[in-house]
Full PDB file with SEQRES, HELIX, SHEET, SSBOND, CRYST1, ORIGX, SCALE, CONECT and MASTER records, all heavy atoms in Angstrom:
SEQRES   1 A   39  ASP ASN ALA LYS ASN THR VAL ASP LEU GLN MET ASN SER          
SEQRES   2 A   39  LEU LYS PRO GLU ASP THR ALA VAL TYR SER CYS ALA ALA          
SEQRES   3 A   39  GLY LEU ARG ALA GLY VAL ARG SER HIS ARG GLU TYR SER          
HELIX    1 AA1 PRO A   16  ASP A   18  5                                   3    
HELIX    2 AA2 HIS A   35  GLU A   37  5                                   3    
CRYST1    1.000    1.000    1.000  90.00  90.00  90.00 P 1           1          
ORIGX1      1.000000  0.000000  0.000000        0.00000                         
ORIGX2      0.000000  1.000000  0.000000        0.00000                         
ORIGX3      0.000000  0.000000  1.000000        0.00000                         
SCALE1      1.000000  0.000000  0.000000        0.00000                         
SCALE2      0.000000  1.000000  0.000000        0.00000                         
SCALE3      0.000000  0.000000  1.000000        0.00000                         
ATOM      1  N   ASP A   1     -17.181   5.208  29.016  1.00  0.00           N  
ATOM      2  CA  ASP A   1     -17.979   5.631  30.076  1.00  0.00           C  
ATOM      3  C   ASP A   1     -17.147   5.585  31.310  1.00  0.00           C  
ATOM      4  O   ASP A   1     -16.866   4.531  31.867  1.00  0.00           O  
ATOM      5  CB  ASP A   1     -19.135   4.692  30.236  1.00  0.00           C  
ATOM      6  CG  ASP A   1     -20.193   5.120  31.283  1.00  0.00           C  
ATOM      7  OD1 ASP A   1     -19.803   5.879  32.222  1.00  0.00           O  
ATOM      8  OD2 ASP A   1     -21.390   4.736  31.138  1.00  0.00           O  
ATOM      9  N   ASN A   2     -16.606   6.761  31.692  1.00  0.00           N  
ATOM     10  CA  ASN A   2     -15.697   6.827  32.824  1.00  0.00           C  
ATOM     11  C   ASN A   2     -16.328   6.509  34.148  1.00  0.00           C  
ATOM     12  O   ASN A   2     -15.632   5.933  35.079  1.00  0.00           O  
ATOM     13  CB  ASN A   2     -15.062   8.247  32.922  1.00  0.00           C  
ATOM     14  CG  ASN A   2     -14.141   8.565  31.796  1.00  0.00           C  
ATOM     15  OD1 ASN A   2     -13.534   7.649  31.159  1.00  0.00           O  
ATOM     16  ND2 ASN A   2     -14.020   9.875  31.485  1.00  0.00           N  
ATOM     17  N   ALA A   3     -17.581   6.697  34.287  1.00  0.00           N  
ATOM     18  CA  ALA A   3     -18.308   6.345  35.474  1.00  0.00           C  
ATOM     19  C   ALA A   3     -18.318   4.794  35.711  1.00  0.00           C  
ATOM     20  O   ALA A   3     -18.200   4.323  36.749  1.00  0.00           O  
ATOM     21  CB  ALA A   3     -19.685   6.876  35.514  1.00  0.00           C  
ATOM     22  N   LYS A   4     -18.444   4.034  34.524  1.00  0.00           N  
ATOM     23  CA  LYS A   4     -18.408   2.606  34.630  1.00  0.00           C  
ATOM     24  C   LYS A   4     -17.193   1.985  34.405  1.00  0.00           C  
ATOM     25  O   LYS A   4     -16.940   0.771  34.471  1.00  0.00           O  
ATOM     26  CB  LYS A   4     -19.452   2.072  33.560  1.00  0.00           C  
ATOM     27  CG  LYS A   4     -20.860   2.441  33.799  1.00  0.00           C  
ATOM     28  CD  LYS A   4     -21.787   1.925  32.739  1.00  0.00           C  
ATOM     29  CE  LYS A   4     -23.223   2.185  32.887  1.00  0.00           C  
ATOM     30  NZ  LYS A   4     -24.112   1.654  31.845  1.00  0.00           N  
ATOM     31  N   ASN A   5     -16.105   2.847  34.051  1.00  0.00           N  
ATOM     32  CA  ASN A   5     -14.765   2.363  33.830  1.00  0.00           C  
ATOM     33  C   ASN A   5     -14.700   1.386  32.618  1.00  0.00           C  
ATOM     34  O   ASN A   5     -14.050   0.395  32.777  1.00  0.00           O  
ATOM     35  CB  ASN A   5     -14.169   1.761  35.043  1.00  0.00           C  
ATOM     36  CG  ASN A   5     -12.824   2.201  35.451  1.00  0.00           C  
ATOM     37  OD1 ASN A   5     -12.407   3.442  35.095  1.00  0.00           O  
ATOM     38  ND2 ASN A   5     -12.056   1.458  36.121  1.00  0.00           N  
ATOM     39  N   THR A   6     -15.371   1.656  31.610  1.00  0.00           N  
ATOM     40  CA  THR A   6     -15.429   0.868  30.400  1.00  0.00           C  
ATOM     41  C   THR A   6     -15.190   1.607  29.115  1.00  0.00           C  
ATOM     42  O   THR A   6     -15.397   2.825  28.998  1.00  0.00           O  
ATOM     43  CB  THR A   6     -16.789   0.160  30.294  1.00  0.00           C  
ATOM     44  OG1 THR A   6     -17.866   1.067  30.188  1.00  0.00           O  
ATOM     45  CG2 THR A   6     -17.034  -0.732  31.524  1.00  0.00           C  
ATOM     46  N   VAL A   7     -14.749   0.964  28.149  1.00  0.00           N  
ATOM     47  CA  VAL A   7     -14.613   1.421  26.729  1.00  0.00           C  
ATOM     48  C   VAL A   7     -15.126   0.421  25.756  1.00  0.00           C  
ATOM     49  O   VAL A   7     -14.864  -0.766  25.911  1.00  0.00           O  
ATOM     50  CB  VAL A   7     -13.060   1.662  26.481  1.00  0.00           C  
ATOM     51  CG1 VAL A   7     -12.976   2.180  25.041  1.00  0.00           C  
ATOM     52  CG2 VAL A   7     -12.545   2.678  27.452  1.00  0.00           C  
ATOM     53  N   ASP A   8     -15.900   0.924  24.872  1.00  0.00           N  
ATOM     54  CA  ASP A   8     -16.566  -0.015  23.928  1.00  0.00           C  
ATOM     55  C   ASP A   8     -16.085   0.311  22.421  1.00  0.00           C  
ATOM     56  O   ASP A   8     -15.644   1.478  22.145  1.00  0.00           O  
ATOM     57  CB  ASP A   8     -18.105   0.099  23.924  1.00  0.00           C  
ATOM     58  CG  ASP A   8     -18.643  -0.368  25.207  1.00  0.00           C  
ATOM     59  OD1 ASP A   8     -17.927  -1.041  25.991  1.00  0.00           O  
ATOM     60  OD2 ASP A   8     -19.862  -0.038  25.506  1.00  0.00           O  
ATOM     61  N   LEU A   9     -16.219  -0.626  21.577  1.00  0.00           N  
ATOM     62  CA  LEU A   9     -15.995  -0.480  20.188  1.00  0.00           C  
ATOM     63  C   LEU A   9     -17.197  -1.132  19.431  1.00  0.00           C  
ATOM     64  O   LEU A   9     -17.378  -2.293  19.425  1.00  0.00           O  
ATOM     65  CB  LEU A   9     -14.660  -1.112  19.736  1.00  0.00           C  
ATOM     66  CG  LEU A   9     -14.292  -0.898  18.304  1.00  0.00           C  
ATOM     67  CD1 LEU A   9     -13.932   0.588  18.079  1.00  0.00           C  
ATOM     68  CD2 LEU A   9     -13.063  -1.822  17.913  1.00  0.00           C  
ATOM     69  N   GLN A  10     -17.920  -0.246  18.816  1.00  0.00           N  
ATOM     70  CA  GLN A  10     -19.076  -0.692  17.982  1.00  0.00           C  
ATOM     71  C   GLN A  10     -18.595  -0.869  16.525  1.00  0.00           C  
ATOM     72  O   GLN A  10     -18.097   0.123  15.908  1.00  0.00           O  
ATOM     73  CB  GLN A  10     -20.161   0.305  18.056  1.00  0.00           C  
ATOM     74  CG  GLN A  10     -21.382  -0.015  17.125  1.00  0.00           C  
ATOM     75  CD  GLN A  10     -22.086  -1.226  17.572  1.00  0.00           C  
ATOM     76  OE1 GLN A  10     -22.390  -1.415  18.748  1.00  0.00           O  
ATOM     77  NE2 GLN A  10     -22.360  -2.170  16.635  1.00  0.00           N  
ATOM     78  N   MET A  11     -18.715  -2.107  16.025  1.00  0.00           N  
ATOM     79  CA  MET A  11     -18.234  -2.334  14.707  1.00  0.00           C  
ATOM     80  C   MET A  11     -19.328  -2.752  13.793  1.00  0.00           C  
ATOM     81  O   MET A  11     -20.120  -3.683  14.025  1.00  0.00           O  
ATOM     82  CB  MET A  11     -17.282  -3.616  14.767  1.00  0.00           C  
ATOM     83  CG  MET A  11     -16.032  -3.250  15.670  1.00  0.00           C  
ATOM     84  SD  MET A  11     -14.901  -4.672  15.774  1.00  0.00           S  
ATOM     85  CE  MET A  11     -15.862  -5.847  16.743  1.00  0.00           C  
ATOM     86  N   ASN A  12     -19.521  -1.983  12.742  1.00  0.00           N  
ATOM     87  CA  ASN A  12     -20.547  -2.178  11.803  1.00  0.00           C  
ATOM     88  C   ASN A  12     -19.933  -2.507  10.409  1.00  0.00           C  
ATOM     89  O   ASN A  12     -18.799  -2.221  10.107  1.00  0.00           O  
ATOM     90  CB  ASN A  12     -21.457  -0.954  11.634  1.00  0.00           C  
ATOM     91  CG  ASN A  12     -22.185  -0.606  12.944  1.00  0.00           C  
ATOM     92  OD1 ASN A  12     -22.537  -1.472  13.708  1.00  0.00           O  
ATOM     93  ND2 ASN A  12     -22.396   0.728  13.181  1.00  0.00           N  
ATOM     94  N   SER A  13     -20.823  -3.051   9.476  1.00  0.00           N  
ATOM     95  CA  SER A  13     -20.361  -3.334   8.149  1.00  0.00           C  
ATOM     96  C   SER A  13     -19.064  -4.152   8.147  1.00  0.00           C  
ATOM     97  O   SER A  13     -18.138  -3.852   7.503  1.00  0.00           O  
ATOM     98  CB  SER A  13     -20.294  -2.150   7.322  1.00  0.00           C  
ATOM     99  OG  SER A  13     -21.444  -1.413   7.285  1.00  0.00           O  
ATOM    100  N   LEU A  14     -19.048  -5.182   8.894  1.00  0.00           N  
ATOM    101  CA  LEU A  14     -17.733  -5.901   9.114  1.00  0.00           C  
ATOM    102  C   LEU A  14     -17.360  -6.674   7.867  1.00  0.00           C  
ATOM    103  O   LEU A  14     -18.179  -7.055   7.145  1.00  0.00           O  
ATOM    104  CB  LEU A  14     -17.986  -6.953  10.270  1.00  0.00           C  
ATOM    105  CG  LEU A  14     -17.897  -6.322  11.742  1.00  0.00           C  
ATOM    106  CD1 LEU A  14     -18.450  -7.257  12.690  1.00  0.00           C  
ATOM    107  CD2 LEU A  14     -16.436  -5.962  12.007  1.00  0.00           C  
ATOM    108  N   LYS A  15     -16.090  -6.695   7.668  1.00  0.00           N  
ATOM    109  CA  LYS A  15     -15.468  -7.299   6.511  1.00  0.00           C  
ATOM    110  C   LYS A  15     -14.582  -8.428   6.934  1.00  0.00           C  
ATOM    111  O   LYS A  15     -14.085  -8.501   8.009  1.00  0.00           O  
ATOM    112  CB  LYS A  15     -14.650  -6.309   5.750  1.00  0.00           C  
ATOM    113  CG  LYS A  15     -15.339  -5.018   5.263  1.00  0.00           C  
ATOM    114  CD  LYS A  15     -14.449  -4.041   4.641  1.00  0.00           C  
ATOM    115  CE  LYS A  15     -15.166  -2.822   4.234  1.00  0.00           C  
ATOM    116  NZ  LYS A  15     -14.247  -1.793   3.653  1.00  0.00           N  
ATOM    117  N   PRO A  16     -14.297  -9.415   6.077  1.00  0.00           N  
ATOM    118  CA  PRO A  16     -13.445 -10.526   6.447  1.00  0.00           C  
ATOM    119  C   PRO A  16     -12.023 -10.047   6.892  1.00  0.00           C  
ATOM    120  O   PRO A  16     -11.516 -10.619   7.833  1.00  0.00           O  
ATOM    121  CB  PRO A  16     -13.311 -11.355   5.202  1.00  0.00           C  
ATOM    122  CG  PRO A  16     -14.605 -11.102   4.504  1.00  0.00           C  
ATOM    123  CD  PRO A  16     -14.920  -9.719   4.759  1.00  0.00           C  
ATOM    124  N   GLU A  17     -11.544  -8.963   6.294  1.00  0.00           N  
ATOM    125  CA  GLU A  17     -10.255  -8.415   6.689  1.00  0.00           C  
ATOM    126  C   GLU A  17     -10.236  -7.797   8.164  1.00  0.00           C  
ATOM    127  O   GLU A  17      -9.180  -7.478   8.598  1.00  0.00           O  
ATOM    128  CB  GLU A  17      -9.745  -7.376   5.659  1.00  0.00           C  
ATOM    129  CG  GLU A  17     -10.746  -6.357   5.356  1.00  0.00           C  
ATOM    130  CD  GLU A  17     -11.533  -6.602   4.028  1.00  0.00           C  
ATOM    131  OE1 GLU A  17     -11.925  -7.763   3.884  1.00  0.00           O  
ATOM    132  OE2 GLU A  17     -11.705  -5.796   3.200  1.00  0.00           O  
ATOM    133  N   ASP A  18     -11.470  -7.647   8.722  1.00  0.00           N  
ATOM    134  CA  ASP A  18     -11.466  -7.189  10.098  1.00  0.00           C  
ATOM    135  C   ASP A  18     -11.157  -8.348  11.099  1.00  0.00           C  
ATOM    136  O   ASP A  18     -11.033  -8.093  12.265  1.00  0.00           O  
ATOM    137  CB  ASP A  18     -12.905  -6.632  10.428  1.00  0.00           C  
ATOM    138  CG  ASP A  18     -13.049  -5.389   9.645  1.00  0.00           C  
ATOM    139  OD1 ASP A  18     -12.191  -4.520   9.484  1.00  0.00           O  
ATOM    140  OD2 ASP A  18     -14.222  -5.174   9.170  1.00  0.00           O  
ATOM    141  N   THR A  19     -11.091  -9.601  10.627  1.00  0.00           N  
ATOM    142  CA  THR A  19     -10.846 -10.658  11.480  1.00  0.00           C  
ATOM    143  C   THR A  19      -9.511 -10.538  12.146  1.00  0.00           C  
ATOM    144  O   THR A  19      -8.407 -10.336  11.511  1.00  0.00           O  
ATOM    145  CB  THR A  19     -10.770 -11.980  10.651  1.00  0.00           C  
ATOM    146  OG1 THR A  19     -12.127 -12.202  10.153  1.00  0.00           O  
ATOM    147  CG2 THR A  19     -10.402 -13.189  11.575  1.00  0.00           C  
ATOM    148  N   ALA A  20      -9.523 -10.539  13.467  1.00  0.00           N  
ATOM    149  CA  ALA A  20      -8.294 -10.372  14.294  1.00  0.00           C  
ATOM    150  C   ALA A  20      -8.558 -10.553  15.704  1.00  0.00           C  
ATOM    151  O   ALA A  20      -9.787 -10.634  16.171  1.00  0.00           O  
ATOM    152  CB  ALA A  20      -7.702  -8.995  14.039  1.00  0.00           C  
ATOM    153  N   VAL A  21      -7.589 -10.556  16.606  1.00  0.00           N  
ATOM    154  CA  VAL A  21      -7.663 -10.450  17.946  1.00  0.00           C  
ATOM    155  C   VAL A  21      -7.631  -8.989  18.410  1.00  0.00           C  
ATOM    156  O   VAL A  21      -6.668  -8.260  17.981  1.00  0.00           O  
ATOM    157  CB  VAL A  21      -6.524 -11.211  18.771  1.00  0.00           C  
ATOM    158  CG1 VAL A  21      -6.682 -10.903  20.220  1.00  0.00           C  
ATOM    159  CG2 VAL A  21      -6.613 -12.724  18.520  1.00  0.00           C  
ATOM    160  N   TYR A  22      -8.738  -8.480  18.940  1.00  0.00           N  
ATOM    161  CA  TYR A  22      -8.764  -7.091  19.290  1.00  0.00           C  
ATOM    162  C   TYR A  22      -8.444  -6.868  20.733  1.00  0.00           C  
ATOM    163  O   TYR A  22      -8.995  -7.580  21.676  1.00  0.00           O  
ATOM    164  CB  TYR A  22     -10.227  -6.582  19.080  1.00  0.00           C  
ATOM    165  CG  TYR A  22     -10.525  -6.345  17.613  1.00  0.00           C  
ATOM    166  CD1 TYR A  22     -10.664  -7.496  16.804  1.00  0.00           C  
ATOM    167  CD2 TYR A  22     -10.679  -5.112  17.127  1.00  0.00           C  
ATOM    168  CE1 TYR A  22     -10.985  -7.328  15.447  1.00  0.00           C  
ATOM    169  CE2 TYR A  22     -10.963  -4.860  15.763  1.00  0.00           C  
ATOM    170  CZ  TYR A  22     -11.055  -5.984  14.878  1.00  0.00           C  
ATOM    171  OH  TYR A  22     -11.331  -5.784  13.586  1.00  0.00           O  
ATOM    172  N   SER A  23      -7.527  -5.999  20.988  1.00  0.00           N  
ATOM    173  CA  SER A  23      -7.048  -5.656  22.360  1.00  0.00           C  
ATOM    174  C   SER A  23      -7.307  -4.205  22.727  1.00  0.00           C  
ATOM    175  O   SER A  23      -7.107  -3.337  21.867  1.00  0.00           O  
ATOM    176  CB  SER A  23      -5.566  -6.056  22.490  1.00  0.00           C  
ATOM    177  OG  SER A  23      -5.322  -7.351  22.229  1.00  0.00           O  
ATOM    178  N   CYS A  24      -7.666  -3.977  23.925  1.00  0.00           N  
ATOM    179  CA  CYS A  24      -7.754  -2.555  24.388  1.00  0.00           C  
ATOM    180  C   CYS A  24      -6.491  -2.170  25.175  1.00  0.00           C  
ATOM    181  O   CYS A  24      -5.834  -3.088  25.685  1.00  0.00           O  
ATOM    182  CB  CYS A  24      -9.024  -2.353  25.243  1.00  0.00           C  
ATOM    183  SG  CYS A  24      -9.078  -3.219  26.772  1.00  0.00           S  
ATOM    184  N   ALA A  25      -6.168  -0.979  25.199  1.00  0.00           N  
ATOM    185  CA  ALA A  25      -4.996  -0.435  25.921  1.00  0.00           C  
ATOM    186  C   ALA A  25      -5.320   0.885  26.540  1.00  0.00           C  
ATOM    187  O   ALA A  25      -6.089   1.655  26.081  1.00  0.00           O  
ATOM    188  CB  ALA A  25      -3.846  -0.351  24.820  1.00  0.00           C  
ATOM    189  N   ALA A  26      -4.436   1.157  27.596  1.00  0.00           N  
ATOM    190  CA  ALA A  26      -4.527   2.452  28.298  1.00  0.00           C  
ATOM    191  C   ALA A  26      -3.203   3.138  28.350  1.00  0.00           C  
ATOM    192  O   ALA A  26      -2.181   2.468  28.573  1.00  0.00           O  
ATOM    193  CB  ALA A  26      -5.197   2.185  29.680  1.00  0.00           C  
ATOM    194  N   GLY A  27      -3.172   4.432  28.100  1.00  0.00           N  
ATOM    195  CA  GLY A  27      -1.957   5.149  28.187  1.00  0.00           C  
ATOM    196  C   GLY A  27      -2.093   6.597  28.455  1.00  0.00           C  
ATOM    197  O   GLY A  27      -3.215   7.094  28.491  1.00  0.00           O  
ATOM    198  N   LEU A  28      -0.970   7.265  28.770  1.00  0.00           N  
ATOM    199  CA  LEU A  28      -1.058   8.640  29.220  1.00  0.00           C  
ATOM    200  C   LEU A  28      -0.311   9.555  28.236  1.00  0.00           C  
ATOM    201  O   LEU A  28      -0.312  10.750  28.328  1.00  0.00           O  
ATOM    202  CB  LEU A  28      -0.409   8.832  30.565  1.00  0.00           C  
ATOM    203  CG  LEU A  28      -1.103   8.197  31.779  1.00  0.00           C  
ATOM    204  CD1 LEU A  28      -0.245   8.318  33.037  1.00  0.00           C  
ATOM    205  CD2 LEU A  28      -2.471   8.823  31.979  1.00  0.00           C  
ATOM    206  N   ARG A  29       0.333   8.928  27.220  1.00  0.00           N  
ATOM    207  CA  ARG A  29       1.106   9.637  26.199  1.00  0.00           C  
ATOM    208  C   ARG A  29       0.253  10.072  25.117  1.00  0.00           C  
ATOM    209  O   ARG A  29      -0.845   9.574  24.904  1.00  0.00           O  
ATOM    210  CB  ARG A  29       2.294   8.851  25.827  1.00  0.00           C  
ATOM    211  CG  ARG A  29       3.192   8.412  26.943  1.00  0.00           C  
ATOM    212  CD  ARG A  29       4.320   7.425  26.499  1.00  0.00           C  
ATOM    213  NE  ARG A  29       5.283   8.159  25.662  1.00  0.00           N  
ATOM    214  CZ  ARG A  29       6.370   8.768  26.104  1.00  0.00           C  
ATOM    215  NH1 ARG A  29       6.584   8.796  27.420  1.00  0.00           N  
ATOM    216  NH2 ARG A  29       7.244   9.336  25.241  1.00  0.00           N  
ATOM    217  N   ALA A  30       0.881  10.927  24.217  1.00  0.00           N  
ATOM    218  CA  ALA A  30       0.076  11.626  23.176  1.00  0.00           C  
ATOM    219  C   ALA A  30       0.047  10.835  21.817  1.00  0.00           C  
ATOM    220  O   ALA A  30      -0.861  11.062  20.977  1.00  0.00           O  
ATOM    221  CB  ALA A  30       0.585  12.983  22.952  1.00  0.00           C  
ATOM    222  N   GLY A  31       0.971   9.922  21.658  1.00  0.00           N  
ATOM    223  CA  GLY A  31       0.984   9.243  20.396  1.00  0.00           C  
ATOM    224  C   GLY A  31       0.005   8.095  20.302  1.00  0.00           C  
ATOM    225  O   GLY A  31       0.407   6.967  20.452  1.00  0.00           O  
ATOM    226  N   VAL A  32      -1.276   8.409  20.110  1.00  0.00           N  
ATOM    227  CA  VAL A  32      -2.397   7.506  20.239  1.00  0.00           C  
ATOM    228  C   VAL A  32      -2.361   6.419  19.226  1.00  0.00           C  
ATOM    229  O   VAL A  32      -2.958   5.331  19.415  1.00  0.00           O  
ATOM    230  CB  VAL A  32      -3.703   8.200  20.160  1.00  0.00           C  
ATOM    231  CG1 VAL A  32      -3.848   9.218  21.345  1.00  0.00           C  
ATOM    232  CG2 VAL A  32      -3.847   9.005  18.839  1.00  0.00           C  
ATOM    233  N   ARG A  33      -1.644   6.592  18.050  1.00  0.00           N  
ATOM    234  CA  ARG A  33      -1.711   5.591  16.989  1.00  0.00           C  
ATOM    235  C   ARG A  33      -0.499   4.589  17.174  1.00  0.00           C  
ATOM    236  O   ARG A  33      -0.475   3.523  16.451  1.00  0.00           O  
ATOM    237  CB  ARG A  33      -1.591   6.156  15.638  1.00  0.00           C  
ATOM    238  CG  ARG A  33      -2.847   6.879  15.241  1.00  0.00           C  
ATOM    239  CD  ARG A  33      -2.756   7.556  13.875  1.00  0.00           C  
ATOM    240  NE  ARG A  33      -4.020   8.014  13.426  1.00  0.00           N  
ATOM    241  CZ  ARG A  33      -4.579   9.252  13.777  1.00  0.00           C  
ATOM    242  NH1 ARG A  33      -3.898  10.015  14.634  1.00  0.00           N  
ATOM    243  NH2 ARG A  33      -5.731   9.608  13.278  1.00  0.00           N  
ATOM    244  N   SER A  34       0.316   4.758  18.159  1.00  0.00           N  
ATOM    245  CA  SER A  34       1.417   3.851  18.318  1.00  0.00           C  
ATOM    246  C   SER A  34       1.269   2.975  19.587  1.00  0.00           C  
ATOM    247  O   SER A  34       0.924   3.461  20.650  1.00  0.00           O  
ATOM    248  CB  SER A  34       2.762   4.692  18.511  1.00  0.00           C  
ATOM    249  OG  SER A  34       3.875   3.766  18.885  1.00  0.00           O  
ATOM    250  N   HIS A  35       1.446   1.687  19.465  1.00  0.00           N  
ATOM    251  CA  HIS A  35       1.306   0.828  20.598  1.00  0.00           C  
ATOM    252  C   HIS A  35       2.293   1.079  21.614  1.00  0.00           C  
ATOM    253  O   HIS A  35       2.139   0.694  22.818  1.00  0.00           O  
ATOM    254  CB  HIS A  35       1.387  -0.662  20.051  1.00  0.00           C  
ATOM    255  CG  HIS A  35       2.732  -1.116  19.670  1.00  0.00           C  
ATOM    256  ND1 HIS A  35       3.180  -0.941  18.369  1.00  0.00           N  
ATOM    257  CD2 HIS A  35       3.715  -1.657  20.331  1.00  0.00           C  
ATOM    258  CE1 HIS A  35       4.417  -1.404  18.301  1.00  0.00           C  
ATOM    259  NE2 HIS A  35       4.716  -1.888  19.440  1.00  0.00           N  
ATOM    260  N   ARG A  36       3.510   1.653  21.281  1.00  0.00           N  
ATOM    261  CA  ARG A  36       4.512   1.871  22.284  1.00  0.00           C  
ATOM    262  C   ARG A  36       4.079   3.001  23.290  1.00  0.00           C  
ATOM    263  O   ARG A  36       4.648   3.107  24.343  1.00  0.00           O  
ATOM    264  CB  ARG A  36       5.769   2.488  21.576  1.00  0.00           C  
ATOM    265  CG  ARG A  36       6.354   1.413  20.625  1.00  0.00           C  
ATOM    266  CD  ARG A  36       7.588   1.998  19.875  1.00  0.00           C  
ATOM    267  NE  ARG A  36       8.263   1.002  19.054  1.00  0.00           N  
ATOM    268  CZ  ARG A  36       9.389   1.196  18.370  1.00  0.00           C  
ATOM    269  NH1 ARG A  36       9.930   2.446  18.420  1.00  0.00           N  
ATOM    270  NH2 ARG A  36       9.850   0.309  17.638  1.00  0.00           N  
ATOM    271  N   GLU A  37       3.019   3.804  22.991  1.00  0.00           N  
ATOM    272  CA  GLU A  37       2.584   4.808  23.847  1.00  0.00           C  
ATOM    273  C   GLU A  37       1.647   4.319  24.964  1.00  0.00           C  
ATOM    274  O   GLU A  37       1.169   5.157  25.757  1.00  0.00           O  
ATOM    275  CB  GLU A  37       1.919   5.905  22.997  1.00  0.00           C  
ATOM    276  CG  GLU A  37       2.867   6.578  22.001  1.00  0.00           C  
ATOM    277  CD  GLU A  37       4.022   7.234  22.548  1.00  0.00           C  
ATOM    278  OE1 GLU A  37       3.940   7.658  23.736  1.00  0.00           O  
ATOM    279  OE2 GLU A  37       4.994   7.458  21.807  1.00  0.00           O  
ATOM    280  N   TYR A  38       1.295   3.054  24.954  1.00  0.00           N  
ATOM    281  CA  TYR A  38       0.299   2.565  25.896  1.00  0.00           C  
ATOM    282  C   TYR A  38       0.994   1.703  26.952  1.00  0.00           C  
ATOM    283  O   TYR A  38       1.876   0.890  26.658  1.00  0.00           O  
ATOM    284  CB  TYR A  38      -0.779   1.694  25.157  1.00  0.00           C  
ATOM    285  CG  TYR A  38      -1.577   2.586  24.268  1.00  0.00           C  
ATOM    286  CD1 TYR A  38      -1.222   2.877  22.983  1.00  0.00           C  
ATOM    287  CD2 TYR A  38      -2.787   3.064  24.734  1.00  0.00           C  
ATOM    288  CE1 TYR A  38      -2.002   3.703  22.213  1.00  0.00           C  
ATOM    289  CE2 TYR A  38      -3.584   3.872  23.965  1.00  0.00           C  
ATOM    290  CZ  TYR A  38      -3.159   4.177  22.636  1.00  0.00           C  
ATOM    291  OH  TYR A  38      -4.025   4.978  21.799  1.00  0.00           O  
ATOM    292  N   SER A  39       0.567   1.860  28.178  1.00  0.00           N  
ATOM    293  CA  SER A  39       1.194   1.198  29.327  1.00  0.00           C  
ATOM    294  C   SER A  39       0.507  -0.101  29.763  1.00  0.00           C  
ATOM    295  O   SER A  39       1.159  -1.025  30.254  1.00  0.00           O  
ATOM    296  CB  SER A  39       1.207   2.105  30.528  1.00  0.00           C  
ATOM    297  OG  SER A  39       1.949   3.324  30.211  1.00  0.00           O  
TER     298      SER A  39                                                      
MASTER        0    0    0    2    0    0    0    6  297    1    0    3          
END                                                                             
């Protein structure tokens, strides 16, 4: 929601292997699957 300046992640059917620290990131580059592309 750009108006609110927020990003959400809805997680359903959670599994034990989903256990982790979840971090959000912002970037301007195109390699969206690489953490190196986020500033």
